Amino acid sequence: MDVSVVFGEAELFERAAHLFTAGEPVACAAHDLYAWAVARQVSRPTPVDFPVRKLYRPAVLLDPVQARHVRELARMGARVRITPSEISETLIFGERAAILAGDRSSGERSYSVVTRPDVVRGVTSLFDAAWRSATDLAVFEARFAEVRPLAPRILDMLASGCKDETAAKTLGLSLRTYRRRVAELMAVLGAESRFQAGVRARDFGLV
C-alpha cells in the first residue's frame, strides 16, 4: 500500500526496519534522540558513506548523554542542524519512503509509513524548508556555550517572576550579565518575549 499506519515501536520495527539498512540518503527530524527508538535499534554512531541529515530541537543539547551522541553523529559524517522552530517528527529514506510520527492518543504512538512517490516528495520539501532555516550544530553550540550551564536556573528565575536585580544576585551575576544571558537564551529558544521563552522551554522539556 502507498500508506500504512502502525502502532508502537515494535510494529514499526517489524514493518520498516529494512529501510534503515538500505544505504540510501536519510533525513531525520526529531525533538530529541528518544523520538525514534526504532532507529536506535538498528543504527549507532558509525561512519556513514551516504548522505545523512539530522534535524533536532535545542533540548537535545541540554542532556549530556544526548549531546555527546549528537556530536558523535556529526563527527562520523552526519550533517546535524538545530532549530528552535516547531517540527514534525519525520524519517525520510531517499525518494523511496517516509515515516511520519503521530500522537499517542490511542495509548501507543502511531506511525504512518508512506511509499507513494508524490507524497514522499512533498514530505521531503517540508523537511528541506525546515533544514534551510536551521543552524549547523557547531554554530549553534558556539552561541549557546556560555548560557547552557545557567539555562535551567535562568528559566526558573523567569518563571518565578522575580525582578532582574534579584535574579542576578541569586545567580551571582551582574545585572548587565544576567540580562545578556536572558537575551542569549531567548535567541536560542527562538523566543521574542520572556513569556514565550518560558513556553518554549516547557515545550522543549527544559523546565
N, C-alpha and C. Protein backbone atom coordinates (compact mmCIF):
# COMPACT_ATOMS: atom_id res chain seq x y z
N MET A 1 0.84 -1.20 0.00
CA MET A 1 0.00 0.00 0.00
C MET A 1 0.87 1.24 0.00
N ASP A 2 0.31 2.36 -0.51
CA ASP A 2 1.06 3.62 -0.53
C ASP A 2 1.25 4.19 0.87
N VAL A 3 0.26 3.97 1.75
CA VAL A 3 0.32 4.47 3.12
C VAL A 3 -0.20 3.39 4.05
N SER A 4 0.56 3.09 5.09
CA SER A 4 0.09 2.17 6.11
C SER A 4 0.35 2.77 7.48
N VAL A 5 -0.53 2.54 8.41
CA VAL A 5 -0.40 3.07 9.76
C VAL A 5 -0.13 1.92 10.73
N VAL A 6 0.93 2.07 11.51
CA VAL A 6 1.28 1.06 12.51
C VAL A 6 1.27 1.73 13.88
N PHE A 7 1.21 0.90 14.92
CA PHE A 7 1.11 1.42 16.27
C PHE A 7 2.21 0.82 17.15
N GLY A 8 2.99 1.70 17.75
CA GLY A 8 4.04 1.27 18.66
C GLY A 8 5.34 0.96 17.95
N GLU A 9 6.44 1.03 18.72
CA GLU A 9 7.77 0.81 18.16
C GLU A 9 7.96 -0.61 17.63
N ALA A 10 7.37 -1.59 18.31
CA ALA A 10 7.56 -2.98 17.88
C ALA A 10 6.99 -3.21 16.49
N GLU A 11 5.78 -2.70 16.26
CA GLU A 11 5.15 -2.88 14.95
C GLU A 11 5.89 -2.07 13.88
N LEU A 12 6.36 -0.88 14.25
CA LEU A 12 7.12 -0.08 13.30
C LEU A 12 8.41 -0.79 12.92
N PHE A 13 9.08 -1.37 13.90
CA PHE A 13 10.33 -2.08 13.64
C PHE A 13 10.08 -3.25 12.67
N GLU A 14 9.00 -3.97 12.91
CA GLU A 14 8.69 -5.11 12.05
C GLU A 14 8.38 -4.66 10.62
N ARG A 15 7.71 -3.52 10.51
CA ARG A 15 7.28 -3.04 9.19
C ARG A 15 8.39 -2.34 8.42
N ALA A 16 9.29 -1.63 9.14
CA ALA A 16 10.17 -0.70 8.44
C ALA A 16 11.66 -0.83 8.76
N ALA A 17 12.06 -1.80 9.54
CA ALA A 17 13.48 -1.90 9.92
C ALA A 17 14.40 -2.01 8.71
N HIS A 18 13.94 -2.64 7.64
CA HIS A 18 14.79 -2.82 6.46
C HIS A 18 15.17 -1.50 5.82
N LEU A 19 14.37 -0.45 6.03
CA LEU A 19 14.67 0.84 5.43
C LEU A 19 15.96 1.44 5.99
N PHE A 20 16.26 1.12 7.24
CA PHE A 20 17.42 1.72 7.91
C PHE A 20 18.74 1.13 7.43
N THR A 21 18.69 0.02 6.74
CA THR A 21 19.92 -0.64 6.31
C THR A 21 20.09 -0.60 4.80
N ALA A 22 19.31 0.25 4.12
CA ALA A 22 19.33 0.26 2.65
C ALA A 22 20.50 1.04 2.08
N GLY A 23 21.20 1.84 2.91
CA GLY A 23 22.35 2.58 2.43
C GLY A 23 22.02 3.72 1.49
N GLU A 24 20.84 4.34 1.63
CA GLU A 24 20.46 5.47 0.80
C GLU A 24 20.34 6.71 1.67
N PRO A 25 20.24 7.90 1.07
CA PRO A 25 20.16 9.12 1.86
C PRO A 25 19.03 9.07 2.89
N VAL A 26 19.35 9.55 4.09
CA VAL A 26 18.38 9.55 5.19
C VAL A 26 18.26 10.96 5.75
N ALA A 27 17.03 11.39 5.98
CA ALA A 27 16.77 12.66 6.64
C ALA A 27 15.89 12.38 7.85
N CYS A 28 16.24 12.98 8.98
CA CYS A 28 15.52 12.73 10.22
C CYS A 28 15.23 14.04 10.93
N ALA A 29 13.98 14.25 11.31
CA ALA A 29 13.60 15.39 12.14
C ALA A 29 13.03 14.84 13.44
N ALA A 30 13.55 15.30 14.57
CA ALA A 30 13.12 14.76 15.85
C ALA A 30 13.31 15.79 16.95
N HIS A 31 12.47 15.70 17.96
CA HIS A 31 12.63 16.60 19.11
C HIS A 31 13.89 16.26 19.88
N ASP A 32 14.20 14.96 19.97
CA ASP A 32 15.40 14.52 20.69
C ASP A 32 15.73 13.11 20.22
N LEU A 33 16.73 12.50 20.87
CA LEU A 33 17.17 11.17 20.44
C LEU A 33 16.21 10.06 20.83
N TYR A 34 15.24 10.36 21.68
CA TYR A 34 14.32 9.34 22.13
C TYR A 34 13.08 9.24 21.24
N ALA A 35 12.99 10.11 20.24
CA ALA A 35 11.81 10.13 19.39
C ALA A 35 11.70 8.88 18.51
N TRP A 36 12.84 8.36 18.09
CA TRP A 36 12.84 7.25 17.14
C TRP A 36 13.60 6.06 17.73
N ALA A 37 12.97 5.37 18.66
CA ALA A 37 13.61 4.21 19.29
C ALA A 37 13.93 3.14 18.26
N VAL A 38 13.08 3.03 17.22
CA VAL A 38 13.34 2.01 16.20
C VAL A 38 14.66 2.28 15.49
N ALA A 39 15.01 3.54 15.31
CA ALA A 39 16.28 3.86 14.66
C ALA A 39 17.44 3.47 15.54
N ARG A 40 17.28 3.61 16.85
CA ARG A 40 18.38 3.26 17.75
C ARG A 40 18.61 1.76 17.79
N GLN A 41 17.59 0.98 17.45
CA GLN A 41 17.76 -0.48 17.47
C GLN A 41 18.63 -0.96 16.31
N VAL A 42 18.66 -0.18 15.24
CA VAL A 42 19.36 -0.67 14.05
C VAL A 42 20.50 0.22 13.62
N SER A 43 20.78 1.30 14.36
CA SER A 43 21.87 2.18 13.95
C SER A 43 22.62 2.70 15.16
N ARG A 44 23.90 2.94 14.99
CA ARG A 44 24.75 3.52 16.01
C ARG A 44 25.61 4.59 15.35
N PRO A 45 26.26 5.45 16.17
CA PRO A 45 27.13 6.46 15.55
C PRO A 45 28.34 5.82 14.90
N THR A 46 28.22 5.44 13.65
CA THR A 46 29.32 4.84 12.90
C THR A 46 29.53 5.65 11.63
N PRO A 47 30.73 5.60 11.06
CA PRO A 47 30.99 6.37 9.84
C PRO A 47 29.95 6.06 8.76
N VAL A 48 29.49 7.11 8.07
CA VAL A 48 28.48 6.92 7.04
C VAL A 48 29.07 7.23 5.67
N ASP A 49 28.66 6.46 4.67
CA ASP A 49 29.14 6.69 3.32
C ASP A 49 27.99 7.10 2.40
N PHE A 50 26.90 7.59 2.99
CA PHE A 50 25.78 8.11 2.22
C PHE A 50 25.23 9.32 2.99
N PRO A 51 24.55 10.24 2.31
CA PRO A 51 24.11 11.47 2.98
C PRO A 51 23.13 11.20 4.12
N VAL A 52 23.43 11.76 5.29
CA VAL A 52 22.55 11.67 6.45
C VAL A 52 22.37 13.07 7.02
N ARG A 53 21.12 13.49 7.15
CA ARG A 53 20.81 14.79 7.74
C ARG A 53 19.96 14.58 8.98
N LYS A 54 20.36 15.21 10.07
CA LYS A 54 19.64 15.09 11.34
C LYS A 54 19.23 16.49 11.80
N LEU A 55 17.95 16.68 12.05
CA LEU A 55 17.43 17.97 12.49
C LEU A 55 16.80 17.79 13.87
N TYR A 56 17.35 18.50 14.86
CA TYR A 56 16.86 18.38 16.23
C TYR A 56 16.46 19.73 16.79
N ARG A 57 15.74 19.70 17.90
CA ARG A 57 15.41 20.92 18.63
C ARG A 57 16.43 21.11 19.75
N PRO A 58 16.55 22.32 20.31
CA PRO A 58 17.63 22.64 21.25
C PRO A 58 17.73 21.76 22.48
N ALA A 59 16.61 21.22 22.95
CA ALA A 59 16.63 20.44 24.19
C ALA A 59 17.61 19.27 24.12
N VAL A 60 17.88 18.77 22.90
CA VAL A 60 18.77 17.63 22.76
C VAL A 60 20.17 17.95 23.29
N LEU A 61 20.55 19.23 23.30
CA LEU A 61 21.89 19.62 23.71
C LEU A 61 22.00 19.89 25.21
N LEU A 62 20.88 19.91 25.92
CA LEU A 62 20.93 20.15 27.36
C LEU A 62 21.05 18.87 28.15
N ASP A 63 20.88 17.74 27.52
CA ASP A 63 21.08 16.44 28.13
C ASP A 63 22.48 15.97 27.74
N PRO A 64 23.41 15.83 28.70
CA PRO A 64 24.80 15.47 28.35
C PRO A 64 24.92 14.21 27.51
N VAL A 65 24.10 13.20 27.82
CA VAL A 65 24.18 11.94 27.07
C VAL A 65 23.76 12.16 25.62
N GLN A 66 22.64 12.85 25.42
CA GLN A 66 22.18 13.12 24.07
C GLN A 66 23.14 14.03 23.32
N ALA A 67 23.66 15.03 24.02
CA ALA A 67 24.59 15.97 23.38
C ALA A 67 25.83 15.24 22.86
N ARG A 68 26.38 14.33 23.66
CA ARG A 68 27.55 13.56 23.22
C ARG A 68 27.21 12.73 21.98
N HIS A 69 26.04 12.12 21.99
CA HIS A 69 25.64 11.28 20.86
C HIS A 69 25.50 12.12 19.59
N VAL A 70 24.90 13.28 19.73
CA VAL A 70 24.70 14.16 18.57
C VAL A 70 26.04 14.61 18.01
N ARG A 71 26.96 14.98 18.89
CA ARG A 71 28.30 15.39 18.43
C ARG A 71 29.01 14.24 17.74
N GLU A 72 28.82 13.02 18.25
CA GLU A 72 29.45 11.86 17.63
C GLU A 72 28.86 11.59 16.25
N LEU A 73 27.56 11.78 16.12
CA LEU A 73 26.93 11.64 14.81
C LEU A 73 27.59 12.59 13.80
N ALA A 74 27.79 13.84 14.23
CA ALA A 74 28.41 14.83 13.35
C ALA A 74 29.85 14.45 13.03
N ARG A 75 30.57 13.96 14.03
CA ARG A 75 31.96 13.57 13.82
C ARG A 75 32.06 12.42 12.82
N MET A 76 31.07 11.54 12.82
CA MET A 76 31.09 10.38 11.94
C MET A 76 30.59 10.69 10.53
N GLY A 77 30.19 11.93 10.28
CA GLY A 77 29.84 12.30 8.92
C GLY A 77 28.42 12.75 8.68
N ALA A 78 27.55 12.60 9.69
CA ALA A 78 26.17 13.08 9.52
C ALA A 78 26.16 14.60 9.58
N ARG A 79 25.27 15.22 8.84
CA ARG A 79 25.07 16.67 8.93
C ARG A 79 23.98 16.90 9.97
N VAL A 80 24.30 17.69 10.98
CA VAL A 80 23.36 17.91 12.08
C VAL A 80 23.06 19.39 12.19
N ARG A 81 21.79 19.72 12.29
CA ARG A 81 21.36 21.10 12.50
C ARG A 81 20.35 21.17 13.64
N ILE A 82 20.27 22.35 14.22
CA ILE A 82 19.37 22.59 15.36
C ILE A 82 18.39 23.69 14.98
N THR A 83 17.13 23.49 15.35
CA THR A 83 16.12 24.52 15.09
C THR A 83 15.25 24.72 16.33
N PRO A 84 14.96 25.98 16.69
CA PRO A 84 14.03 26.23 17.78
C PRO A 84 12.58 26.20 17.31
N SER A 85 12.36 26.05 16.02
CA SER A 85 11.01 26.07 15.47
C SER A 85 10.31 24.74 15.67
N GLU A 86 8.99 24.77 15.56
CA GLU A 86 8.22 23.54 15.61
C GLU A 86 8.58 22.66 14.42
N ILE A 87 8.68 21.35 14.64
CA ILE A 87 8.95 20.43 13.55
C ILE A 87 8.05 19.21 13.67
N SER A 88 7.79 18.58 12.55
CA SER A 88 7.07 17.31 12.54
C SER A 88 8.11 16.20 12.54
N GLU A 89 7.99 15.30 13.49
CA GLU A 89 8.99 14.22 13.61
C GLU A 89 8.83 13.26 12.43
N THR A 90 9.89 13.18 11.66
CA THR A 90 9.83 12.52 10.35
C THR A 90 11.12 11.79 10.05
N LEU A 91 11.00 10.69 9.35
CA LEU A 91 12.15 9.98 8.78
C LEU A 91 11.91 9.83 7.29
N ILE A 92 12.93 10.15 6.48
CA ILE A 92 12.80 10.06 5.03
C ILE A 92 13.96 9.22 4.50
N PHE A 93 13.64 8.28 3.64
CA PHE A 93 14.65 7.38 3.08
C PHE A 93 14.73 7.60 1.58
N GLY A 94 15.67 8.45 1.17
CA GLY A 94 15.82 8.76 -0.24
C GLY A 94 14.50 9.25 -0.83
N GLU A 95 14.15 8.71 -1.97
CA GLU A 95 12.86 9.03 -2.59
C GLU A 95 11.89 7.86 -2.45
N ARG A 96 12.27 6.90 -1.60
CA ARG A 96 11.51 5.65 -1.54
C ARG A 96 10.41 5.64 -0.49
N ALA A 97 10.67 6.22 0.68
CA ALA A 97 9.69 6.11 1.76
C ALA A 97 9.90 7.21 2.78
N ALA A 98 8.84 7.48 3.52
CA ALA A 98 8.89 8.41 4.64
C ALA A 98 8.05 7.84 5.78
N ILE A 99 8.48 8.12 7.01
CA ILE A 99 7.72 7.72 8.19
C ILE A 99 7.36 8.98 8.96
N LEU A 100 6.08 9.17 9.22
CA LEU A 100 5.59 10.33 9.95
C LEU A 100 5.09 9.87 11.31
N ALA A 101 5.66 10.45 12.38
CA ALA A 101 5.25 10.07 13.72
C ALA A 101 3.95 10.78 14.09
N GLY A 102 3.02 10.02 14.66
CA GLY A 102 1.76 10.58 15.10
C GLY A 102 1.74 10.82 16.59
N ASP A 103 0.54 10.86 17.16
CA ASP A 103 0.42 11.11 18.59
C ASP A 103 0.23 9.80 19.35
N ARG A 104 -0.02 9.92 20.64
CA ARG A 104 -0.21 8.74 21.49
C ARG A 104 -1.64 8.67 22.03
N SER A 105 -2.58 9.23 21.28
CA SER A 105 -3.96 9.29 21.76
C SER A 105 -4.56 7.91 21.98
N SER A 106 -4.08 6.91 21.27
CA SER A 106 -4.62 5.56 21.41
C SER A 106 -3.83 4.71 22.41
N GLY A 107 -2.89 5.33 23.10
CA GLY A 107 -2.07 4.59 24.07
C GLY A 107 -0.67 4.34 23.54
N GLU A 108 -0.56 3.84 22.32
CA GLU A 108 0.73 3.67 21.67
C GLU A 108 0.85 4.68 20.55
N ARG A 109 2.07 5.14 20.32
CA ARG A 109 2.26 6.13 19.27
C ARG A 109 2.00 5.52 17.90
N SER A 110 1.33 6.28 17.06
CA SER A 110 1.07 5.81 15.70
C SER A 110 2.14 6.34 14.75
N TYR A 111 2.38 5.60 13.67
CA TYR A 111 3.36 5.98 12.66
C TYR A 111 2.75 5.69 11.28
N SER A 112 2.84 6.68 10.40
CA SER A 112 2.38 6.49 9.03
C SER A 112 3.59 6.20 8.15
N VAL A 113 3.61 5.05 7.52
CA VAL A 113 4.69 4.66 6.61
C VAL A 113 4.20 4.91 5.19
N VAL A 114 4.86 5.86 4.51
CA VAL A 114 4.41 6.34 3.20
C VAL A 114 5.40 5.92 2.12
N THR A 115 4.90 5.34 1.06
CA THR A 115 5.77 4.97 -0.07
C THR A 115 5.29 5.59 -1.38
N ARG A 116 4.19 6.32 -1.36
CA ARG A 116 3.70 6.96 -2.57
C ARG A 116 4.66 8.07 -2.98
N PRO A 117 5.25 8.02 -4.18
CA PRO A 117 6.32 8.95 -4.55
C PRO A 117 5.98 10.43 -4.41
N ASP A 118 4.78 10.86 -4.84
CA ASP A 118 4.48 12.28 -4.77
C ASP A 118 4.33 12.76 -3.33
N VAL A 119 3.84 11.87 -2.45
CA VAL A 119 3.73 12.24 -1.04
C VAL A 119 5.11 12.31 -0.40
N VAL A 120 5.97 11.35 -0.73
CA VAL A 120 7.34 11.37 -0.20
C VAL A 120 8.05 12.65 -0.63
N ARG A 121 7.86 13.06 -1.88
CA ARG A 121 8.47 14.30 -2.35
C ARG A 121 7.93 15.51 -1.58
N GLY A 122 6.63 15.51 -1.29
CA GLY A 122 6.05 16.60 -0.52
C GLY A 122 6.60 16.67 0.88
N VAL A 123 6.74 15.52 1.53
CA VAL A 123 7.31 15.47 2.88
C VAL A 123 8.76 15.96 2.84
N THR A 124 9.49 15.55 1.81
CA THR A 124 10.89 15.98 1.67
C THR A 124 10.99 17.49 1.49
N SER A 125 10.09 18.07 0.74
CA SER A 125 10.10 19.53 0.55
C SER A 125 9.90 20.26 1.87
N LEU A 126 9.00 19.75 2.71
CA LEU A 126 8.77 20.37 4.02
C LEU A 126 10.01 20.24 4.90
N PHE A 127 10.64 19.08 4.85
CA PHE A 127 11.87 18.89 5.62
C PHE A 127 12.96 19.83 5.13
N ASP A 128 13.10 19.95 3.82
CA ASP A 128 14.14 20.82 3.26
C ASP A 128 13.96 22.27 3.70
N ALA A 129 12.71 22.73 3.77
CA ALA A 129 12.45 24.10 4.21
C ALA A 129 12.88 24.29 5.66
N ALA A 130 12.56 23.32 6.51
CA ALA A 130 12.97 23.40 7.92
C ALA A 130 14.50 23.33 8.03
N TRP A 131 15.11 22.51 7.21
CA TRP A 131 16.56 22.34 7.21
C TRP A 131 17.27 23.65 6.84
N ARG A 132 16.76 24.33 5.83
CA ARG A 132 17.40 25.57 5.38
C ARG A 132 17.36 26.65 6.45
N SER A 133 16.32 26.68 7.26
CA SER A 133 16.19 27.72 8.27
C SER A 133 16.87 27.35 9.59
N ALA A 134 17.40 26.13 9.69
CA ALA A 134 18.05 25.67 10.92
C ALA A 134 19.52 26.09 10.93
N THR A 135 20.18 25.85 12.08
CA THR A 135 21.57 26.27 12.29
C THR A 135 22.47 25.05 12.44
N ASP A 136 23.62 25.07 11.78
CA ASP A 136 24.57 23.97 11.93
C ASP A 136 24.92 23.76 13.40
N LEU A 137 25.11 22.50 13.77
CA LEU A 137 25.37 22.14 15.16
C LEU A 137 26.51 22.94 15.77
N ALA A 138 27.64 23.02 15.08
CA ALA A 138 28.81 23.70 15.64
C ALA A 138 28.52 25.18 15.88
N VAL A 139 27.83 25.82 14.97
CA VAL A 139 27.49 27.23 15.12
C VAL A 139 26.53 27.42 16.29
N PHE A 140 25.53 26.57 16.37
CA PHE A 140 24.54 26.69 17.44
C PHE A 140 25.20 26.49 18.81
N GLU A 141 26.06 25.48 18.89
CA GLU A 141 26.72 25.20 20.17
C GLU A 141 27.63 26.35 20.59
N ALA A 142 28.30 26.95 19.63
CA ALA A 142 29.16 28.09 19.95
C ALA A 142 28.35 29.24 20.55
N ARG A 143 27.17 29.46 20.00
CA ARG A 143 26.30 30.53 20.51
C ARG A 143 25.79 30.21 21.91
N PHE A 144 25.57 28.93 22.15
CA PHE A 144 24.91 28.50 23.38
C PHE A 144 25.88 28.09 24.48
N ALA A 145 27.18 28.07 24.18
CA ALA A 145 28.17 27.52 25.11
C ALA A 145 28.15 28.20 26.47
N GLU A 146 28.07 29.52 26.47
CA GLU A 146 28.15 30.24 27.74
C GLU A 146 26.85 30.20 28.51
N VAL A 147 25.74 30.20 27.83
CA VAL A 147 24.46 30.28 28.53
C VAL A 147 23.95 28.90 28.96
N ARG A 148 24.44 27.82 28.32
CA ARG A 148 23.92 26.49 28.61
C ARG A 148 23.95 26.11 30.10
N PRO A 149 25.07 26.28 30.81
CA PRO A 149 25.09 25.85 32.21
C PRO A 149 24.08 26.59 33.08
N LEU A 150 23.77 27.82 32.71
CA LEU A 150 22.85 28.62 33.53
C LEU A 150 21.40 28.53 33.06
N ALA A 151 21.17 27.89 31.92
CA ALA A 151 19.83 27.91 31.31
C ALA A 151 18.72 27.45 32.27
N PRO A 152 18.85 26.29 32.92
CA PRO A 152 17.75 25.87 33.81
C PRO A 152 17.47 26.86 34.94
N ARG A 153 18.54 27.44 35.52
CA ARG A 153 18.34 28.37 36.63
C ARG A 153 17.76 29.70 36.14
N ILE A 154 18.19 30.14 34.97
CA ILE A 154 17.62 31.37 34.41
C ILE A 154 16.14 31.17 34.14
N LEU A 155 15.79 30.02 33.59
CA LEU A 155 14.39 29.73 33.32
C LEU A 155 13.58 29.69 34.61
N ASP A 156 14.17 29.16 35.67
CA ASP A 156 13.49 29.16 36.96
C ASP A 156 13.25 30.59 37.44
N MET A 157 14.25 31.44 37.27
CA MET A 157 14.11 32.83 37.68
C MET A 157 13.00 33.53 36.88
N LEU A 158 12.97 33.27 35.58
CA LEU A 158 11.93 33.88 34.75
C LEU A 158 10.55 33.38 35.15
N ALA A 159 10.45 32.09 35.45
CA ALA A 159 9.16 31.51 35.82
C ALA A 159 8.67 32.04 37.16
N SER A 160 9.61 32.36 38.05
CA SER A 160 9.23 32.84 39.38
C SER A 160 8.72 34.28 39.35
N GLY A 161 9.06 34.99 38.27
CA GLY A 161 8.61 36.37 38.16
C GLY A 161 9.40 37.36 39.00
N CYS A 162 10.54 36.95 39.51
CA CYS A 162 11.32 37.86 40.34
C CYS A 162 11.99 38.94 39.48
N LYS A 163 12.35 40.02 40.10
CA LYS A 163 12.97 41.12 39.37
C LYS A 163 14.37 40.72 38.91
N ASP A 164 14.82 41.39 37.84
CA ASP A 164 16.14 41.08 37.30
C ASP A 164 17.23 41.26 38.33
N GLU A 165 17.11 42.30 39.14
CA GLU A 165 18.14 42.56 40.15
C GLU A 165 18.25 41.38 41.13
N THR A 166 17.09 40.86 41.53
CA THR A 166 17.07 39.73 42.47
C THR A 166 17.62 38.48 41.81
N ALA A 167 17.20 38.23 40.58
CA ALA A 167 17.67 37.04 39.86
C ALA A 167 19.18 37.09 39.66
N ALA A 168 19.69 38.26 39.27
CA ALA A 168 21.13 38.40 39.04
C ALA A 168 21.91 38.13 40.32
N LYS A 169 21.42 38.66 41.42
CA LYS A 169 22.10 38.46 42.71
C LYS A 169 22.07 36.99 43.10
N THR A 170 20.94 36.34 42.90
CA THR A 170 20.80 34.92 43.25
C THR A 170 21.78 34.06 42.45
N LEU A 171 21.98 34.42 41.19
CA LEU A 171 22.87 33.64 40.32
C LEU A 171 24.32 34.09 40.40
N GLY A 172 24.59 35.13 41.17
CA GLY A 172 25.96 35.62 41.30
C GLY A 172 26.45 36.33 40.06
N LEU A 173 25.54 36.98 39.34
CA LEU A 173 25.90 37.70 38.12
C LEU A 173 25.63 39.18 38.29
N SER A 174 26.32 39.97 37.50
CA SER A 174 25.96 41.38 37.45
C SER A 174 24.63 41.51 36.73
N LEU A 175 23.94 42.61 36.96
CA LEU A 175 22.66 42.82 36.30
C LEU A 175 22.82 42.82 34.79
N ARG A 176 23.88 43.45 34.31
CA ARG A 176 24.12 43.51 32.87
C ARG A 176 24.36 42.12 32.29
N THR A 177 25.17 41.31 32.99
CA THR A 177 25.44 39.95 32.51
C THR A 177 24.19 39.09 32.52
N TYR A 178 23.40 39.22 33.58
CA TYR A 178 22.16 38.44 33.66
C TYR A 178 21.25 38.76 32.48
N ARG A 179 21.07 40.05 32.21
CA ARG A 179 20.18 40.43 31.11
C ARG A 179 20.72 39.96 29.76
N ARG A 180 22.05 39.96 29.62
CA ARG A 180 22.64 39.46 28.38
C ARG A 180 22.39 37.95 28.23
N ARG A 181 22.51 37.22 29.33
CA ARG A 181 22.27 35.77 29.29
C ARG A 181 20.80 35.48 28.97
N VAL A 182 19.90 36.26 29.51
CA VAL A 182 18.48 36.09 29.21
C VAL A 182 18.24 36.31 27.72
N ALA A 183 18.85 37.36 27.17
CA ALA A 183 18.69 37.66 25.75
C ALA A 183 19.26 36.52 24.90
N GLU A 184 20.40 35.98 25.30
CA GLU A 184 21.01 34.87 24.56
C GLU A 184 20.13 33.64 24.60
N LEU A 185 19.57 33.36 25.78
CA LEU A 185 18.71 32.20 25.93
C LEU A 185 17.44 32.35 25.08
N MET A 186 16.89 33.55 25.06
CA MET A 186 15.71 33.80 24.23
C MET A 186 16.04 33.58 22.76
N ALA A 187 17.23 34.00 22.34
CA ALA A 187 17.63 33.82 20.95
C ALA A 187 17.75 32.34 20.61
N VAL A 188 18.34 31.56 21.52
CA VAL A 188 18.49 30.13 21.31
C VAL A 188 17.13 29.44 21.19
N LEU A 189 16.18 29.89 22.00
CA LEU A 189 14.85 29.29 22.01
C LEU A 189 13.96 29.84 20.90
N GLY A 190 14.46 30.85 20.20
CA GLY A 190 13.65 31.46 19.15
C GLY A 190 12.46 32.21 19.70
N ALA A 191 12.62 32.78 20.89
CA ALA A 191 11.53 33.48 21.57
C ALA A 191 11.66 34.99 21.41
N GLU A 192 10.53 35.66 21.25
CA GLU A 192 10.52 37.11 21.11
C GLU A 192 10.17 37.81 22.43
N SER A 193 9.80 37.05 23.44
CA SER A 193 9.50 37.61 24.75
C SER A 193 9.90 36.62 25.82
N ARG A 194 10.01 37.10 27.06
CA ARG A 194 10.35 36.20 28.16
C ARG A 194 9.24 35.18 28.39
N PHE A 195 8.00 35.60 28.23
CA PHE A 195 6.89 34.67 28.38
C PHE A 195 6.99 33.56 27.35
N GLN A 196 7.26 33.93 26.11
CA GLN A 196 7.39 32.93 25.05
C GLN A 196 8.58 32.01 25.32
N ALA A 197 9.64 32.57 25.90
CA ALA A 197 10.80 31.73 26.24
C ALA A 197 10.40 30.65 27.24
N GLY A 198 9.58 31.03 28.23
CA GLY A 198 9.12 30.05 29.21
C GLY A 198 8.26 28.98 28.58
N VAL A 199 7.38 29.40 27.66
CA VAL A 199 6.52 28.44 26.97
C VAL A 199 7.36 27.48 26.14
N ARG A 200 8.32 28.01 25.40
CA ARG A 200 9.15 27.15 24.56
C ARG A 200 10.03 26.25 25.40
N ALA A 201 10.50 26.76 26.53
CA ALA A 201 11.32 25.92 27.42
C ALA A 201 10.52 24.71 27.90
N ARG A 202 9.24 24.92 28.21
CA ARG A 202 8.40 23.81 28.61
C ARG A 202 8.18 22.85 27.44
N ASP A 203 7.98 23.42 26.26
CA ASP A 203 7.79 22.58 25.08
C ASP A 203 9.02 21.71 24.83
N PHE A 204 10.21 22.27 25.07
CA PHE A 204 11.46 21.54 24.84
C PHE A 204 11.82 20.62 26.00
N GLY A 205 11.03 20.68 27.08
CA GLY A 205 11.33 19.85 28.25
C GLY A 205 12.47 20.37 29.09
N LEU A 206 12.76 21.68 29.02
CA LEU A 206 13.87 22.26 29.79
C LEU A 206 13.45 22.61 31.20
N VAL A 207 12.15 22.77 31.45
CA VAL A 207 11.65 23.07 32.80
C VAL A 207 10.46 22.17 33.09
